[in-house]
Amino acid sequence: MLFNNQDWKLSVTEINLYENTVSLDGQSYPLSFAIKTLIPGYLSGLPSTSRESMELLEKLAEAGVTISNFFSNDLMTAYQRRQINKRVEAERIAKELASQKELQRREQVKAERRTYGENLRSATHSAGRSRASIMADLDSGANWMDSL
């Protein structure tokens, strides 16, 4: 076998829209030539849903190239589906992080309440009186200084 397209991955290292150039495997080409000839030739040997083809399209799209004008409908459909899946995954992760943050906040509130209750109990025990008796004295309207 002379050449196996599945073992080789096209390396897009630099896309310069101002100079209309792209570096493929370290060699600079005019952007229009690469998009119309070289890249479709490379992608034609790959399945439309392959990771390599999706990564290549993402690099071009991130650089600002309007990829929908140059590639086949099935490739663009696969790319759009991948973008939707990435967006859904990002939303799922954001929801998961938000729920973890909320759970952590609830645990912190519980701990603060528990600490407050323990401090209140220890304060009433150290005074030798129950909380109920302190509340009863306060509710009775008696002067608390008289009970000292």
N, C-alpha and C. Protein backbone atom coordinates (compact mmCIF):
# COMPACT_ATOMS: atom_id res chain seq x y z
N MET A 1 0.85 -1.16 0.00
CA MET A 1 0.00 0.00 0.00
C MET A 1 0.91 1.23 0.00
N LEU A 2 0.70 2.11 -0.98
CA LEU A 2 1.55 3.29 -1.09
C LEU A 2 1.13 4.40 -0.14
N PHE A 3 -0.15 4.66 -0.03
CA PHE A 3 -0.61 5.78 0.79
C PHE A 3 -1.92 5.43 1.46
N ASN A 4 -1.95 5.58 2.76
CA ASN A 4 -3.17 5.31 3.51
C ASN A 4 -3.66 6.64 4.08
N ASN A 5 -4.77 7.12 3.59
CA ASN A 5 -5.32 8.41 4.00
C ASN A 5 -5.76 8.40 5.47
N GLN A 6 -6.05 7.24 6.03
CA GLN A 6 -6.53 7.17 7.41
C GLN A 6 -5.41 7.40 8.43
N ASP A 7 -4.15 7.21 8.03
CA ASP A 7 -3.03 7.38 8.96
C ASP A 7 -2.51 8.81 8.98
N TRP A 8 -2.91 9.62 8.05
CA TRP A 8 -2.36 10.96 7.92
C TRP A 8 -3.41 11.98 8.29
N LYS A 9 -2.99 12.97 9.06
CA LYS A 9 -3.90 14.03 9.48
C LYS A 9 -3.36 15.36 8.96
N LEU A 10 -4.19 16.07 8.24
CA LEU A 10 -3.81 17.38 7.72
C LEU A 10 -3.66 18.35 8.87
N SER A 11 -2.53 19.01 8.92
CA SER A 11 -2.26 19.95 10.00
C SER A 11 -2.45 21.37 9.51
N VAL A 12 -3.48 22.03 10.02
CA VAL A 12 -3.73 23.43 9.70
C VAL A 12 -3.17 24.23 10.87
N THR A 13 -2.06 24.92 10.63
CA THR A 13 -1.41 25.59 11.74
C THR A 13 -1.70 27.07 11.81
N GLU A 14 -1.91 27.71 10.68
CA GLU A 14 -2.12 29.16 10.72
C GLU A 14 -3.05 29.58 9.59
N ILE A 15 -4.08 30.34 9.95
CA ILE A 15 -5.00 30.88 8.96
C ILE A 15 -4.95 32.39 9.10
N ASN A 16 -4.53 33.07 8.04
CA ASN A 16 -4.40 34.52 8.07
C ASN A 16 -5.36 35.11 7.05
N LEU A 17 -6.46 35.68 7.53
CA LEU A 17 -7.47 36.23 6.63
C LEU A 17 -7.03 37.54 6.00
N TYR A 18 -6.11 38.25 6.64
CA TYR A 18 -5.64 39.52 6.08
C TYR A 18 -4.75 39.30 4.87
N GLU A 19 -3.90 38.28 4.94
CA GLU A 19 -3.03 37.96 3.80
C GLU A 19 -3.65 36.89 2.90
N ASN A 20 -4.80 36.36 3.29
CA ASN A 20 -5.47 35.28 2.56
C ASN A 20 -4.56 34.08 2.35
N THR A 21 -3.91 33.66 3.44
CA THR A 21 -3.05 32.48 3.38
C THR A 21 -3.43 31.51 4.49
N VAL A 22 -3.06 30.27 4.27
CA VAL A 22 -3.26 29.22 5.27
C VAL A 22 -2.03 28.31 5.22
N SER A 23 -1.59 27.85 6.39
CA SER A 23 -0.46 26.93 6.45
C SER A 23 -0.99 25.52 6.64
N LEU A 24 -0.73 24.69 5.65
CA LEU A 24 -1.12 23.28 5.71
C LEU A 24 0.15 22.45 5.78
N ASP A 25 0.28 21.68 6.83
CA ASP A 25 1.48 20.87 7.07
C ASP A 25 2.75 21.70 6.98
N GLY A 26 2.68 22.94 7.47
CA GLY A 26 3.85 23.79 7.52
C GLY A 26 4.14 24.58 6.26
N GLN A 27 3.39 24.37 5.20
CA GLN A 27 3.62 25.08 3.94
C GLN A 27 2.47 26.05 3.70
N SER A 28 2.81 27.27 3.31
CA SER A 28 1.80 28.31 3.12
C SER A 28 1.18 28.20 1.73
N TYR A 29 -0.15 28.32 1.69
CA TYR A 29 -0.91 28.28 0.44
C TYR A 29 -1.89 29.45 0.44
N PRO A 30 -2.31 29.88 -0.75
CA PRO A 30 -3.40 30.87 -0.80
C PRO A 30 -4.66 30.24 -0.21
N LEU A 31 -5.38 31.02 0.54
CA LEU A 31 -6.56 30.52 1.24
C LEU A 31 -7.61 29.97 0.28
N SER A 32 -7.85 30.66 -0.82
CA SER A 32 -8.87 30.20 -1.77
C SER A 32 -8.49 28.85 -2.39
N PHE A 33 -7.21 28.66 -2.71
CA PHE A 33 -6.74 27.40 -3.28
C PHE A 33 -6.89 26.27 -2.26
N ALA A 34 -6.55 26.55 -1.02
CA ALA A 34 -6.64 25.52 0.02
C ALA A 34 -8.09 25.14 0.28
N ILE A 35 -8.97 26.13 0.35
CA ILE A 35 -10.37 25.84 0.67
C ILE A 35 -11.10 25.18 -0.50
N LYS A 36 -10.77 25.58 -1.72
CA LYS A 36 -11.48 25.04 -2.88
C LYS A 36 -10.90 23.72 -3.38
N THR A 37 -9.62 23.45 -3.11
CA THR A 37 -8.98 22.29 -3.71
C THR A 37 -8.36 21.34 -2.68
N LEU A 38 -7.42 21.84 -1.89
CA LEU A 38 -6.64 20.96 -1.02
C LEU A 38 -7.47 20.37 0.12
N ILE A 39 -8.17 21.22 0.85
CA ILE A 39 -8.94 20.74 2.00
C ILE A 39 -10.09 19.82 1.58
N PRO A 40 -10.89 20.17 0.55
CA PRO A 40 -11.93 19.22 0.12
C PRO A 40 -11.35 17.89 -0.36
N GLY A 41 -10.18 17.93 -0.98
CA GLY A 41 -9.54 16.69 -1.40
C GLY A 41 -9.18 15.82 -0.21
N TYR A 42 -8.70 16.45 0.84
CA TYR A 42 -8.37 15.72 2.06
C TYR A 42 -9.64 15.18 2.73
N LEU A 43 -10.67 16.03 2.81
CA LEU A 43 -11.90 15.62 3.48
C LEU A 43 -12.67 14.56 2.70
N SER A 44 -12.48 14.48 1.40
CA SER A 44 -13.21 13.50 0.60
C SER A 44 -12.82 12.07 0.97
N GLY A 45 -11.64 11.89 1.52
CA GLY A 45 -11.21 10.55 1.93
C GLY A 45 -11.63 10.18 3.33
N LEU A 46 -12.30 11.08 4.02
CA LEU A 46 -12.72 10.83 5.39
C LEU A 46 -14.24 10.77 5.49
N PRO A 47 -14.76 10.05 6.46
CA PRO A 47 -16.21 10.10 6.70
C PRO A 47 -16.60 11.51 7.15
N SER A 48 -17.81 11.93 6.82
CA SER A 48 -18.22 13.30 7.13
C SER A 48 -18.32 13.55 8.62
N THR A 49 -18.47 12.50 9.41
CA THR A 49 -18.59 12.69 10.86
C THR A 49 -17.28 12.42 11.61
N SER A 50 -16.18 12.26 10.89
CA SER A 50 -14.92 11.94 11.57
C SER A 50 -14.43 13.12 12.40
N ARG A 51 -13.69 12.79 13.43
CA ARG A 51 -13.15 13.80 14.33
C ARG A 51 -12.20 14.74 13.59
N GLU A 52 -11.39 14.20 12.70
CA GLU A 52 -10.42 15.01 11.97
C GLU A 52 -11.11 16.06 11.10
N SER A 53 -12.16 15.64 10.39
CA SER A 53 -12.85 16.60 9.53
C SER A 53 -13.56 17.66 10.35
N MET A 54 -14.14 17.28 11.49
CA MET A 54 -14.83 18.26 12.34
C MET A 54 -13.84 19.26 12.93
N GLU A 55 -12.67 18.77 13.36
CA GLU A 55 -11.66 19.67 13.93
C GLU A 55 -11.16 20.66 12.87
N LEU A 56 -10.99 20.18 11.65
CA LEU A 56 -10.54 21.05 10.57
C LEU A 56 -11.58 22.13 10.28
N LEU A 57 -12.84 21.74 10.20
CA LEU A 57 -13.90 22.72 9.96
C LEU A 57 -14.00 23.72 11.12
N GLU A 58 -13.81 23.24 12.35
CA GLU A 58 -13.86 24.15 13.50
C GLU A 58 -12.74 25.18 13.44
N LYS A 59 -11.54 24.74 13.04
CA LYS A 59 -10.43 25.69 12.92
C LYS A 59 -10.73 26.76 11.88
N LEU A 60 -11.28 26.33 10.76
CA LEU A 60 -11.62 27.29 9.71
C LEU A 60 -12.71 28.25 10.18
N ALA A 61 -13.74 27.72 10.84
CA ALA A 61 -14.84 28.56 11.31
C ALA A 61 -14.38 29.53 12.39
N GLU A 62 -13.51 29.07 13.29
CA GLU A 62 -12.99 29.95 14.35
C GLU A 62 -12.16 31.08 13.77
N ALA A 63 -11.51 30.83 12.64
CA ALA A 63 -10.69 31.86 12.00
C ALA A 63 -11.55 32.86 11.24
N GLY A 64 -12.83 32.54 11.05
CA GLY A 64 -13.73 33.48 10.38
C GLY A 64 -14.04 33.13 8.94
N VAL A 65 -13.65 31.94 8.50
CA VAL A 65 -13.94 31.50 7.14
C VAL A 65 -15.40 31.05 7.08
N THR A 66 -16.13 31.49 6.06
CA THR A 66 -17.52 31.06 5.87
C THR A 66 -17.49 29.68 5.24
N ILE A 67 -17.51 28.66 6.07
CA ILE A 67 -17.29 27.30 5.57
C ILE A 67 -18.49 26.74 4.83
N SER A 68 -19.68 27.27 5.07
CA SER A 68 -20.87 26.72 4.42
C SER A 68 -20.85 26.93 2.91
N ASN A 69 -20.06 27.88 2.43
CA ASN A 69 -19.98 28.14 0.99
C ASN A 69 -19.10 27.15 0.25
N PHE A 70 -18.27 26.40 0.96
CA PHE A 70 -17.24 25.61 0.30
C PHE A 70 -17.36 24.11 0.47
N PHE A 71 -18.19 23.65 1.39
CA PHE A 71 -18.20 22.22 1.68
C PHE A 71 -19.59 21.63 1.46
N SER A 72 -19.64 20.31 1.34
CA SER A 72 -20.88 19.61 0.99
C SER A 72 -21.93 19.72 2.09
N ASN A 73 -23.17 19.47 1.70
CA ASN A 73 -24.29 19.56 2.65
C ASN A 73 -24.18 18.54 3.78
N ASP A 74 -23.77 17.30 3.45
CA ASP A 74 -23.67 16.30 4.51
C ASP A 74 -22.57 16.64 5.50
N LEU A 75 -21.48 17.22 5.01
CA LEU A 75 -20.41 17.66 5.91
C LEU A 75 -20.87 18.82 6.79
N MET A 76 -21.62 19.75 6.21
CA MET A 76 -22.12 20.89 6.98
C MET A 76 -23.18 20.44 7.98
N THR A 77 -24.01 19.47 7.61
CA THR A 77 -25.01 18.94 8.54
C THR A 77 -24.32 18.27 9.72
N ALA A 78 -23.29 17.48 9.44
CA ALA A 78 -22.54 16.84 10.52
C ALA A 78 -21.86 17.87 11.41
N TYR A 79 -21.33 18.93 10.81
CA TYR A 79 -20.68 20.00 11.57
C TYR A 79 -21.69 20.72 12.47
N GLN A 80 -22.86 21.04 11.91
CA GLN A 80 -23.89 21.72 12.71
C GLN A 80 -24.38 20.84 13.85
N ARG A 81 -24.53 19.55 13.57
CA ARG A 81 -24.94 18.61 14.61
C ARG A 81 -23.90 18.55 15.73
N ARG A 82 -22.63 18.56 15.34
CA ARG A 82 -21.56 18.54 16.34
C ARG A 82 -21.58 19.81 17.18
N GLN A 83 -21.80 20.95 16.54
CA GLN A 83 -21.85 22.22 17.28
C GLN A 83 -23.02 22.22 18.26
N ILE A 84 -24.17 21.69 17.84
CA ILE A 84 -25.33 21.61 18.73
C ILE A 84 -25.02 20.69 19.91
N ASN A 85 -24.39 19.55 19.63
CA ASN A 85 -24.04 18.62 20.70
C ASN A 85 -23.05 19.25 21.68
N LYS A 86 -22.09 20.02 21.16
CA LYS A 86 -21.13 20.70 22.04
C LYS A 86 -21.84 21.73 22.91
N ARG A 87 -22.79 22.45 22.33
CA ARG A 87 -23.54 23.47 23.08
C ARG A 87 -24.37 22.81 24.18
N VAL A 88 -25.04 21.69 23.84
CA VAL A 88 -25.85 20.98 24.82
C VAL A 88 -24.96 20.45 25.95
N GLU A 89 -23.81 19.94 25.61
CA GLU A 89 -22.87 19.43 26.62
C GLU A 89 -22.38 20.56 27.52
N ALA A 90 -22.09 21.72 26.94
CA ALA A 90 -21.66 22.87 27.74
C ALA A 90 -22.77 23.33 28.68
N GLU A 91 -24.02 23.33 28.20
CA GLU A 91 -25.15 23.70 29.06
C GLU A 91 -25.34 22.69 30.18
N ARG A 92 -25.17 21.41 29.88
CA ARG A 92 -25.30 20.37 30.90
C ARG A 92 -24.23 20.54 31.98
N ILE A 93 -23.01 20.82 31.56
CA ILE A 93 -21.93 21.02 32.52
C ILE A 93 -22.19 22.26 33.36
N ALA A 94 -22.69 23.33 32.74
CA ALA A 94 -23.00 24.55 33.49
C ALA A 94 -24.09 24.30 34.52
N LYS A 95 -25.13 23.54 34.14
CA LYS A 95 -26.20 23.20 35.10
C LYS A 95 -25.64 22.37 36.25
N GLU A 96 -24.79 21.41 35.90
CA GLU A 96 -24.21 20.55 36.93
C GLU A 96 -23.36 21.36 37.91
N LEU A 97 -22.57 22.29 37.39
CA LEU A 97 -21.76 23.14 38.25
C LEU A 97 -22.63 24.03 39.13
N ALA A 98 -23.71 24.56 38.55
CA ALA A 98 -24.62 25.40 39.33
C ALA A 98 -25.29 24.60 40.44
N SER A 99 -25.69 23.37 40.15
CA SER A 99 -26.33 22.56 41.19
C SER A 99 -25.33 22.18 42.27
N GLN A 100 -24.08 21.92 41.89
CA GLN A 100 -23.05 21.64 42.90
C GLN A 100 -22.80 22.86 43.77
N LYS A 101 -22.79 24.03 43.16
CA LYS A 101 -22.58 25.26 43.91
C LYS A 101 -23.74 25.49 44.88
N GLU A 102 -24.97 25.25 44.43
CA GLU A 102 -26.15 25.40 45.28
C GLU A 102 -26.11 24.41 46.43
N LEU A 103 -25.73 23.17 46.14
CA LEU A 103 -25.63 22.16 47.19
C LEU A 103 -24.57 22.55 48.21
N GLN A 104 -23.46 23.07 47.74
CA GLN A 104 -22.39 23.51 48.64
C GLN A 104 -22.88 24.67 49.52
N ARG A 105 -23.63 25.59 48.93
CA ARG A 105 -24.17 26.72 49.70
C ARG A 105 -25.14 26.23 50.77
N ARG A 106 -25.99 25.26 50.41
CA ARG A 106 -26.94 24.71 51.38
C ARG A 106 -26.21 24.03 52.54
N GLU A 107 -25.17 23.27 52.21
CA GLU A 107 -24.39 22.61 53.25
C GLU A 107 -23.74 23.63 54.17
N GLN A 108 -23.28 24.73 53.61
CA GLN A 108 -22.66 25.78 54.41
C GLN A 108 -23.69 26.42 55.34
N VAL A 109 -24.90 26.67 54.83
CA VAL A 109 -25.96 27.25 55.66
C VAL A 109 -26.33 26.29 56.78
N LYS A 110 -26.42 24.98 56.47
CA LYS A 110 -26.71 23.99 57.51
C LYS A 110 -25.64 24.01 58.59
N ALA A 111 -24.38 24.06 58.17
CA ALA A 111 -23.28 24.07 59.14
C ALA A 111 -23.33 25.32 60.00
N GLU A 112 -23.63 26.47 59.38
CA GLU A 112 -23.73 27.71 60.16
C GLU A 112 -24.86 27.64 61.16
N ARG A 113 -26.01 27.09 60.76
CA ARG A 113 -27.14 26.96 61.68
C ARG A 113 -26.82 26.00 62.82
N ARG A 114 -26.16 24.90 62.47
CA ARG A 114 -25.78 23.92 63.49
C ARG A 114 -24.83 24.56 64.50
N THR A 115 -23.86 25.31 64.00
CA THR A 115 -22.91 25.98 64.88
C THR A 115 -23.61 27.00 65.76
N TYR A 116 -24.53 27.75 65.18
CA TYR A 116 -25.29 28.74 65.95
C TYR A 116 -26.08 28.06 67.07
N GLY A 117 -26.74 26.96 66.74
CA GLY A 117 -27.52 26.22 67.74
C GLY A 117 -26.64 25.67 68.86
N GLU A 118 -25.49 25.13 68.47
CA GLU A 118 -24.57 24.61 69.49
C GLU A 118 -24.05 25.73 70.38
N ASN A 119 -23.74 26.86 69.79
CA ASN A 119 -23.27 27.99 70.59
C ASN A 119 -24.36 28.48 71.53
N LEU A 120 -25.59 28.53 71.05
CA LEU A 120 -26.71 28.96 71.89
C LEU A 120 -26.93 27.98 73.03
N ARG A 121 -26.86 26.67 72.74
CA ARG A 121 -27.01 25.66 73.79
C ARG A 121 -25.91 25.76 74.83
N SER A 122 -24.69 25.92 74.35
CA SER A 122 -23.59 26.00 75.32
C SER A 122 -23.69 27.27 76.16
N ALA A 123 -24.19 28.36 75.59
CA ALA A 123 -24.35 29.60 76.36
C ALA A 123 -25.42 29.44 77.43
N THR A 124 -26.52 28.76 77.10
CA THR A 124 -27.58 28.59 78.09
C THR A 124 -27.16 27.59 79.15
N HIS A 125 -26.40 26.56 78.79
CA HIS A 125 -25.94 25.59 79.78
C HIS A 125 -24.92 26.22 80.71
N SER A 126 -24.09 27.10 80.18
CA SER A 126 -23.08 27.72 81.03
C SER A 126 -23.72 28.67 82.03
N ALA A 127 -24.86 29.22 81.70
CA ALA A 127 -25.54 30.10 82.63
C ALA A 127 -26.34 29.32 83.67
N GLY A 128 -26.48 28.02 83.46
CA GLY A 128 -27.19 27.19 84.42
C GLY A 128 -28.69 27.24 84.27
N ARG A 129 -29.19 27.84 83.25
CA ARG A 129 -30.63 27.95 83.05
C ARG A 129 -30.98 27.40 81.67
N SER A 130 -32.16 26.92 81.54
CA SER A 130 -32.59 26.40 80.24
C SER A 130 -33.03 27.55 79.35
N ARG A 131 -33.06 27.27 78.11
CA ARG A 131 -33.49 28.28 77.14
C ARG A 131 -34.94 28.67 77.39
N ALA A 132 -35.75 27.69 77.74
CA ALA A 132 -37.17 27.95 77.99
C ALA A 132 -37.35 28.89 79.19
N SER A 133 -36.54 28.69 80.22
CA SER A 133 -36.69 29.57 81.39
C SER A 133 -36.24 30.99 81.06
N ILE A 134 -35.21 31.11 80.23
CA ILE A 134 -34.76 32.44 79.82
C ILE A 134 -35.86 33.12 79.02
N MET A 135 -36.49 32.39 78.11
CA MET A 135 -37.57 32.95 77.29
C MET A 135 -38.77 33.31 78.15
N ALA A 136 -39.07 32.48 79.14
CA ALA A 136 -40.21 32.75 80.02
C ALA A 136 -39.97 34.02 80.82
N ASP A 137 -38.75 34.21 81.27
CA ASP A 137 -38.43 35.44 82.00
C ASP A 137 -38.55 36.66 81.11
N LEU A 138 -38.10 36.53 79.89
CA LEU A 138 -38.18 37.66 78.97
C LEU A 138 -39.62 37.99 78.62
N ASP A 139 -40.45 36.95 78.47
CA ASP A 139 -41.85 37.15 78.12
C ASP A 139 -42.68 37.69 79.28
N SER A 140 -42.25 37.40 80.49
CA SER A 140 -43.04 37.82 81.65
C SER A 140 -43.00 39.32 81.87
N GLY A 141 -42.04 39.97 81.30
CA GLY A 141 -41.95 41.41 81.45
C GLY A 141 -41.24 41.82 82.72
N ALA A 142 -40.77 40.86 83.48
CA ALA A 142 -40.03 41.19 84.70
C ALA A 142 -38.70 41.81 84.33
N ASN A 143 -38.22 42.61 85.21
CA ASN A 143 -36.93 43.24 84.97
C ASN A 143 -35.84 42.19 85.13
N TRP A 144 -35.07 41.98 84.13
CA TRP A 144 -34.05 40.94 84.18
C TRP A 144 -32.96 41.27 85.19
N MET A 145 -32.82 42.55 85.54
CA MET A 145 -31.81 42.93 86.53
C MET A 145 -32.21 42.44 87.92
N ASP A 146 -33.53 42.31 88.16
CA ASP A 146 -34.00 41.84 89.47
C ASP A 146 -33.63 40.39 89.71
N SER A 147 -33.51 39.61 88.65
CA SER A 147 -33.22 38.19 88.82
C SER A 147 -31.73 37.93 89.06
N LEU A 148 -30.92 38.93 89.00
CA LEU A 148 -29.49 38.74 89.26
C LEU A 148 -29.18 38.74 90.69
